[in-house]
């Protein structure tokens, strides 16, 4: 069983990850709209976004 403090820290981490995921999503959409955006930049943003999503899912799984 998790303590209240642990749950609070996990909740804060989860919220921070959600904000990071949303920011990466916006960056990705912006990059995809720009014809000059390189495939590397787009792929890098997709990988970062997926890693954040995986972290979010891991926190949810262990909570």
PDB file of N, CA and C in Angstrom:
ATOM      1  N   UNK A   1       0.835  -1.183   0.000  1.00  0.00           N
ATOM      2  CA  UNK A   1       0.000   0.000   0.000  1.00  0.00           C
ATOM      3  C   UNK A   1       0.880   1.247   0.000  1.00  0.00           C
ATOM      4  N   UNK A   2       0.540   2.220  -0.806  1.00  0.00           N
ATOM      5  CA  UNK A   2       1.314   3.446  -0.917  1.00  0.00           C
ATOM      6  C   UNK A   2       0.871   4.448   0.135  1.00  0.00           C
ATOM      7  N   UNK A   3       1.843   5.205   0.626  1.00  0.00           N
ATOM      8  CA  UNK A   3       1.496   6.256   1.577  1.00  0.00           C
ATOM      9  C   UNK A   3       0.900   7.440   0.828  1.00  0.00           C
ATOM     10  N   UNK A   4       0.274   8.325   1.583  1.00  0.00           N
ATOM     11  CA  UNK A   4      -0.321   9.528   0.982  1.00  0.00           C
ATOM     12  C   UNK A   4       0.748  10.369   0.292  1.00  0.00           C
ATOM     13  N   UNK A   5       1.924  10.489   0.911  1.00  0.00           N
ATOM     14  CA  UNK A   5       3.011  11.287   0.330  1.00  0.00           C
ATOM     15  C   UNK A   5       3.477  10.686  -0.988  1.00  0.00           C
ATOM     16  N   UNK A   6       3.580   9.368  -1.043  1.00  0.00           N
ATOM     17  CA  UNK A   6       3.998   8.703  -2.275  1.00  0.00           C
ATOM     18  C   UNK A   6       2.971   8.928  -3.378  1.00  0.00           C
ATOM     19  N   UNK A   7       1.694   8.831  -3.023  1.00  0.00           N
ATOM     20  CA  UNK A   7       0.640   9.055  -4.011  1.00  0.00           C
ATOM     21  C   UNK A   7       0.670  10.487  -4.501  1.00  0.00           C
ATOM     22  N   UNK A   8       0.957  11.421  -3.596  1.00  0.00           N
ATOM     23  CA  UNK A   8       1.024  12.828  -3.984  1.00  0.00           C
ATOM     24  C   UNK A   8       2.175  13.065  -4.956  1.00  0.00           C
ATOM     25  N   UNK A   9       3.323  12.477  -4.668  1.00  0.00           N
ATOM     26  CA  UNK A   9       4.482  12.613  -5.552  1.00  0.00           C
ATOM     27  C   UNK A   9       4.175  11.973  -6.905  1.00  0.00           C
ATOM     28  N   UNK A  10       3.551  10.810  -6.887  1.00  0.00           N
ATOM     29  CA  UNK A  10       3.189  10.143  -8.141  1.00  0.00           C
ATOM     30  C   UNK A  10       2.183  10.977  -8.921  1.00  0.00           C
ATOM     31  N   UNK A  11       1.236  11.585  -8.230  1.00  0.00           N
ATOM     32  CA  UNK A  11       0.254  12.439  -8.895  1.00  0.00           C
ATOM     33  C   UNK A  11       0.918  13.642  -9.535  1.00  0.00           C
ATOM     34  N   UNK A  12       1.882  14.228  -8.830  1.00  0.00           N
ATOM     35  CA  UNK A  12       2.612  15.369  -9.381  1.00  0.00           C
ATOM     36  C   UNK A  12       3.428  14.940 -10.591  1.00  0.00           C
ATOM     37  N   UNK A  13       4.073  13.793 -10.497  1.00  0.00           N
ATOM     38  CA  UNK A  13       4.874  13.271 -11.613  1.00  0.00           C
ATOM     39  C   UNK A  13       3.972  12.983 -12.812  1.00  0.00           C
ATOM     40  N   UNK A  14       2.830  12.388 -12.544  1.00  0.00           N
ATOM     41  CA  UNK A  14       1.882  12.073 -13.610  1.00  0.00           C
ATOM     42  C   UNK A  14       1.415  13.344 -14.312  1.00  0.00           C
ATOM     43  N   UNK A  15       1.087  14.365 -13.543  1.00  0.00           N
ATOM     44  CA  UNK A  15       0.638  15.630 -14.133  1.00  0.00           C
ATOM     45  C   UNK A  15       1.754  16.277 -14.948  1.00  0.00           C
ATOM     46  N   UNK A  16       2.979  16.234 -14.446  1.00  0.00           N
ATOM     47  CA  UNK A  16       4.119  16.795 -15.184  1.00  0.00           C
ATOM     48  C   UNK A  16       4.325  16.048 -16.501  1.00  0.00           C
ATOM     49  N   UNK A  17       4.179  14.726 -16.460  1.00  0.00           N
ATOM     50  CA  UNK A  17       4.331  13.928 -17.676  1.00  0.00           C
ATOM     51  C   UNK A  17       3.211  14.220 -18.673  1.00  0.00           C
ATOM     52  N   UNK A  18       2.014  14.421 -18.174  1.00  0.00           N
ATOM     53  CA  UNK A  18       0.899  14.765 -19.071  1.00  0.00           C
ATOM     54  C   UNK A  18       1.148  16.101 -19.763  1.00  0.00           C
ATOM     55  N   UNK A  19       1.657  17.071 -18.997  1.00  0.00           N
ATOM     56  CA  UNK A  19       1.969  18.372 -19.603  1.00  0.00           C
ATOM     57  C   UNK A  19       3.085  18.238 -20.639  1.00  0.00           C
ATOM     58  N   UNK A  20       4.098  17.433 -20.318  1.00  0.00           N
ATOM     59  CA  UNK A  20       5.203  17.218 -21.254  1.00  0.00           C
ATOM     60  C   UNK A  20       4.700  16.532 -22.522  1.00  0.00           C
ATOM     61  N   UNK A  21       3.819  15.551 -22.354  1.00  0.00           N
ATOM     62  CA  UNK A  21       3.249  14.831 -23.498  1.00  0.00           C
ATOM     63  C   UNK A  21       2.463  15.792 -24.396  1.00  0.00           C
ATOM     64  N   UNK A  22       1.668  16.668 -23.779  1.00  0.00           N
ATOM     65  CA  UNK A  22       0.890  17.648 -24.552  1.00  0.00           C
ATOM     66  C   UNK A  22       1.808  18.619 -25.282  1.00  0.00           C
ATOM     67  N   UNK A  23       2.873  19.047 -24.625  1.00  0.00           N
ATOM     68  CA  UNK A  23       3.823  19.962 -25.262  1.00  0.00           C
ATOM     69  C   UNK A  23       4.509  19.291 -26.451  1.00  0.00           C
ATOM     70  N   UNK A  24       4.914  18.049 -26.272  1.00  0.00           N
ATOM     71  CA  UNK A  24       5.535  17.314 -27.376  1.00  0.00           C
ATOM     72  C   UNK A  24       4.546  17.124 -28.523  1.00  0.00           C
ATOM     73  N   UNK A  25       3.287  16.872 -28.196  1.00  0.00           N
ATOM     74  CA  UNK A  25       2.253  16.715 -29.218  1.00  0.00           C
ATOM     75  C   UNK A  25       2.120  18.007 -30.027  1.00  0.00           C
ATOM     76  N   UNK A  26       2.109  19.134 -29.336  1.00  0.00           N
ATOM     77  CA  UNK A  26       2.024  20.420 -30.038  1.00  0.00           C
ATOM     78  C   UNK A  26       3.250  20.667 -30.910  1.00  0.00           C
ATOM     79  N   UNK A  27       4.429  20.349 -30.382  1.00  0.00           N
ATOM     80  CA  UNK A  27       5.661  20.524 -31.161  1.00  0.00           C
ATOM     81  C   UNK A  27       5.638  19.641 -32.403  1.00  0.00           C
ATOM     82  N   UNK A  28       5.156  18.413 -32.236  1.00  0.00           N
ATOM     83  CA  UNK A  28       5.076  17.475 -33.350  1.00  0.00           C
ATOM     84  C   UNK A  28       4.114  17.984 -34.420  1.00  0.00           C
ATOM     85  N   UNK A  29       2.954  18.448 -34.000  1.00  0.00           N
ATOM     86  CA  UNK A  29       1.980  18.988 -34.965  1.00  0.00           C
ATOM     87  C   UNK A  29       2.552  20.186 -35.706  1.00  0.00           C
ATOM     88  N   UNK A  30       3.244  21.067 -34.987  1.00  0.00           N
ATOM     89  CA  UNK A  30       3.874  22.228 -35.631  1.00  0.00           C
ATOM     90  C   UNK A  30       4.924  21.786 -36.644  1.00  0.00           C
ATOM     91  N   UNK A  31       5.742  20.816 -36.255  1.00  0.00           N
ATOM     92  CA  UNK A  31       6.796  20.330 -37.147  1.00  0.00           C
ATOM     93  C   UNK A  31       6.208  19.685 -38.394  1.00  0.00           C
ATOM     94  N   UNK A  32       5.110  18.962 -38.231  1.00  0.00           N
ATOM     95  CA  UNK A  32       4.492  18.289 -39.374  1.00  0.00           C
ATOM     96  C   UNK A  32       3.852  19.282 -40.336  1.00  0.00           C
ATOM     97  N   UNK A  33       3.498  20.452 -39.850  1.00  0.00           N
ATOM     98  CA  UNK A  33       2.905  21.476 -40.724  1.00  0.00           C
ATOM     99  C   UNK A  33       3.962  22.247 -41.510  1.00  0.00           C
ATOM    100  N   UNK A  34       5.191  22.227 -41.009  1.00  0.00           N
ATOM    101  CA  UNK A  34       6.256  22.976 -41.684  1.00  0.00           C
ATOM    102  C   UNK A  34       6.910  22.102 -42.747  1.00  0.00           C
ATOM    103  N   UNK A  35       6.910  22.568 -43.972  1.00  0.00           N
ATOM    104  CA  UNK A  35       7.543  21.766 -45.027  1.00  0.00           C
ATOM    105  C   UNK A  35       9.050  21.599 -44.813  1.00  0.00           C
ATOM    106  N   UNK A  36       9.658  22.539 -44.094  1.00  0.00           N
ATOM    107  CA  UNK A  36      11.106  22.481 -43.894  1.00  0.00           C
ATOM    108  C   UNK A  36      11.511  21.550 -42.749  1.00  0.00           C
ATOM    109  N   UNK A  37      10.558  21.066 -41.984  1.00  0.00           N
ATOM    110  CA  UNK A  37      10.874  20.178 -40.861  1.00  0.00           C
ATOM    111  C   UNK A  37      11.458  18.870 -41.387  1.00  0.00           C
ATOM    112  N   UNK A  38      12.561  18.476 -40.792  1.00  0.00           N
ATOM    113  CA  UNK A  38      13.204  17.249 -41.257  1.00  0.00           C
ATOM    114  C   UNK A  38      12.506  16.022 -40.688  1.00  0.00           C
ATOM    115  N   UNK A  39      12.625  14.931 -41.401  1.00  0.00           N
ATOM    116  CA  UNK A  39      12.065  13.666 -40.933  1.00  0.00           C
ATOM    117  C   UNK A  39      12.687  13.266 -39.604  1.00  0.00           C
ATOM    118  N   UNK A  40      13.979  13.606 -39.428  1.00  0.00           N
ATOM    119  CA  UNK A  40      14.666  13.276 -38.182  1.00  0.00           C
ATOM    120  C   UNK A  40      14.016  13.977 -37.000  1.00  0.00           C
ATOM    121  N   UNK A  41      13.720  15.262 -37.150  1.00  0.00           N
ATOM    122  CA  UNK A  41      13.098  16.034 -36.069  1.00  0.00           C
ATOM    123  C   UNK A  41      11.732  15.447 -35.732  1.00  0.00           C
ATOM    124  N   UNK A  42      10.959  15.145 -36.741  1.00  0.00           N
ATOM    125  CA  UNK A  42       9.626  14.574 -36.528  1.00  0.00           C
ATOM    126  C   UNK A  42       9.729  13.215 -35.839  1.00  0.00           C
ATOM    127  N   UNK A  43      10.634  12.382 -36.298  1.00  0.00           N
ATOM    128  CA  UNK A  43      10.808  11.057 -35.691  1.00  0.00           C
ATOM    129  C   UNK A  43      11.276  11.186 -34.245  1.00  0.00           C
ATOM    130  N   UNK A  44      12.187  12.120 -33.982  1.00  0.00           N
ATOM    131  CA  UNK A  44      12.692  12.332 -32.627  1.00  0.00           C
ATOM    132  C   UNK A  44      11.561  12.747 -31.684  1.00  0.00           C
ATOM    133  N   UNK A  45      10.701  13.641 -32.141  1.00  0.00           N
ATOM    134  CA  UNK A  45       9.569  14.071 -31.323  1.00  0.00           C
ATOM    135  C   UNK A  45       8.609  12.915 -31.058  1.00  0.00           C
ATOM    136  N   UNK A  46       8.385  12.087 -32.065  1.00  0.00           N
ATOM    137  CA  UNK A  46       7.503  10.931 -31.889  1.00  0.00           C
ATOM    138  C   UNK A  46       8.059   9.966 -30.850  1.00  0.00           C
ATOM    139  N   UNK A  47       9.369   9.734 -30.896  1.00  0.00           N
ATOM    140  CA  UNK A  47      10.007   8.823 -29.937  1.00  0.00           C
ATOM    141  C   UNK A  47       9.902   9.391 -28.523  1.00  0.00           C
ATOM    142  N   UNK A  48      10.184  10.682 -28.369  1.00  0.00           N
ATOM    143  CA  UNK A  48      10.095  11.316 -27.048  1.00  0.00           C
ATOM    144  C   UNK A  48       8.671  11.240 -26.505  1.00  0.00           C
ATOM    145  N   UNK A  49       7.706  11.506 -27.378  1.00  0.00           N
ATOM    146  CA  UNK A  49       6.302  11.470 -26.968  1.00  0.00           C
ATOM    147  C   UNK A  49       5.913  10.056 -26.524  1.00  0.00           C
ATOM    148  N   UNK A  50       6.360   9.042 -27.245  1.00  0.00           N
ATOM    149  CA  UNK A  50       6.066   7.661 -26.894  1.00  0.00           C
ATOM    150  C   UNK A  50       6.700   7.275 -25.559  1.00  0.00           C
ATOM    151  N   UNK A  51       7.932   7.738 -25.310  1.00  0.00           N
ATOM    152  CA  UNK A  51       8.594   7.436 -24.039  1.00  0.00           C
ATOM    153  C   UNK A  51       7.827   8.053 -22.873  1.00  0.00           C
ATOM    154  N   UNK A  52       7.340   9.272 -23.057  1.00  0.00           N
ATOM    155  CA  UNK A  52       6.558   9.920 -22.003  1.00  0.00           C
ATOM    156  C   UNK A  52       5.264   9.153 -21.778  1.00  0.00           C
ATOM    157  N   UNK A  53       4.625   8.739 -22.860  1.00  0.00           N
ATOM    158  CA  UNK A  53       3.387   7.965 -22.731  1.00  0.00           C
ATOM    159  C   UNK A  53       3.654   6.664 -21.972  1.00  0.00           C
ATOM    160  N   UNK A  54       4.775   6.021 -22.259  1.00  0.00           N
ATOM    161  CA  UNK A  54       5.134   4.786 -21.551  1.00  0.00           C
ATOM    162  C   UNK A  54       5.330   5.045 -20.056  1.00  0.00           C
ATOM    163  N   UNK A  55       5.964   6.181 -19.717  1.00  0.00           N
ATOM    164  CA  UNK A  55       6.143   6.533 -18.306  1.00  0.00           C
ATOM    165  C   UNK A  55       4.794   6.744 -17.618  1.00  0.00           C
ATOM    166  N   UNK A  56       3.889   7.423 -18.317  1.00  0.00           N
ATOM    167  CA  UNK A  56       2.548   7.659 -17.775  1.00  0.00           C
ATOM    168  C   UNK A  56       1.857   6.326 -17.504  1.00  0.00           C
ATOM    169  N   UNK A  57       1.917   5.433 -18.461  1.00  0.00           N
ATOM    170  CA  UNK A  57       1.275   4.124 -18.307  1.00  0.00           C
ATOM    171  C   UNK A  57       1.911   3.317 -17.167  1.00  0.00           C
ATOM    172  N   UNK A  58       3.209   3.424 -16.994  1.00  0.00           N
ATOM    173  CA  UNK A  58       3.885   2.714 -15.914  1.00  0.00           C
ATOM    174  C   UNK A  58       3.420   3.232 -14.555  1.00  0.00           C
ATOM    175  N   UNK A  59       3.303   4.531 -14.412  1.00  0.00           N
ATOM    176  CA  UNK A  59       2.816   5.105 -13.157  1.00  0.00           C
ATOM    177  C   UNK A  59       1.389   4.634 -12.882  1.00  0.00           C
ATOM    178  N   UNK A  60       0.560   4.643 -13.895  1.00  0.00           N
ATOM    179  CA  UNK A  60      -0.823   4.179 -13.719  1.00  0.00           C
ATOM    180  C   UNK A  60      -0.868   2.699 -13.334  1.00  0.00           C
ATOM    181  N   UNK A  61       0.019   1.930 -13.920  1.00  0.00           N
ATOM    182  CA  UNK A  61       0.035   0.489 -13.682  1.00  0.00           C
ATOM    183  C   UNK A  61       0.417   0.167 -12.232  1.00  0.00           C
ATOM    184  N   UNK A  62       1.380   0.875 -11.684  1.00  0.00           N
ATOM    185  CA  UNK A  62       1.849   0.553 -10.337  1.00  0.00           C
ATOM    186  C   UNK A  62       1.051   1.275  -9.256  1.00  0.00           C
ATOM    187  N   UNK A  63       0.183   2.177  -9.647  1.00  0.00           N
ATOM    188  CA  UNK A  63      -0.615   2.917  -8.645  1.00  0.00           C
ATOM    189  C   UNK A  63      -1.803   2.115  -8.185  1.00  0.00           C
TER     190      UNK A  63
END
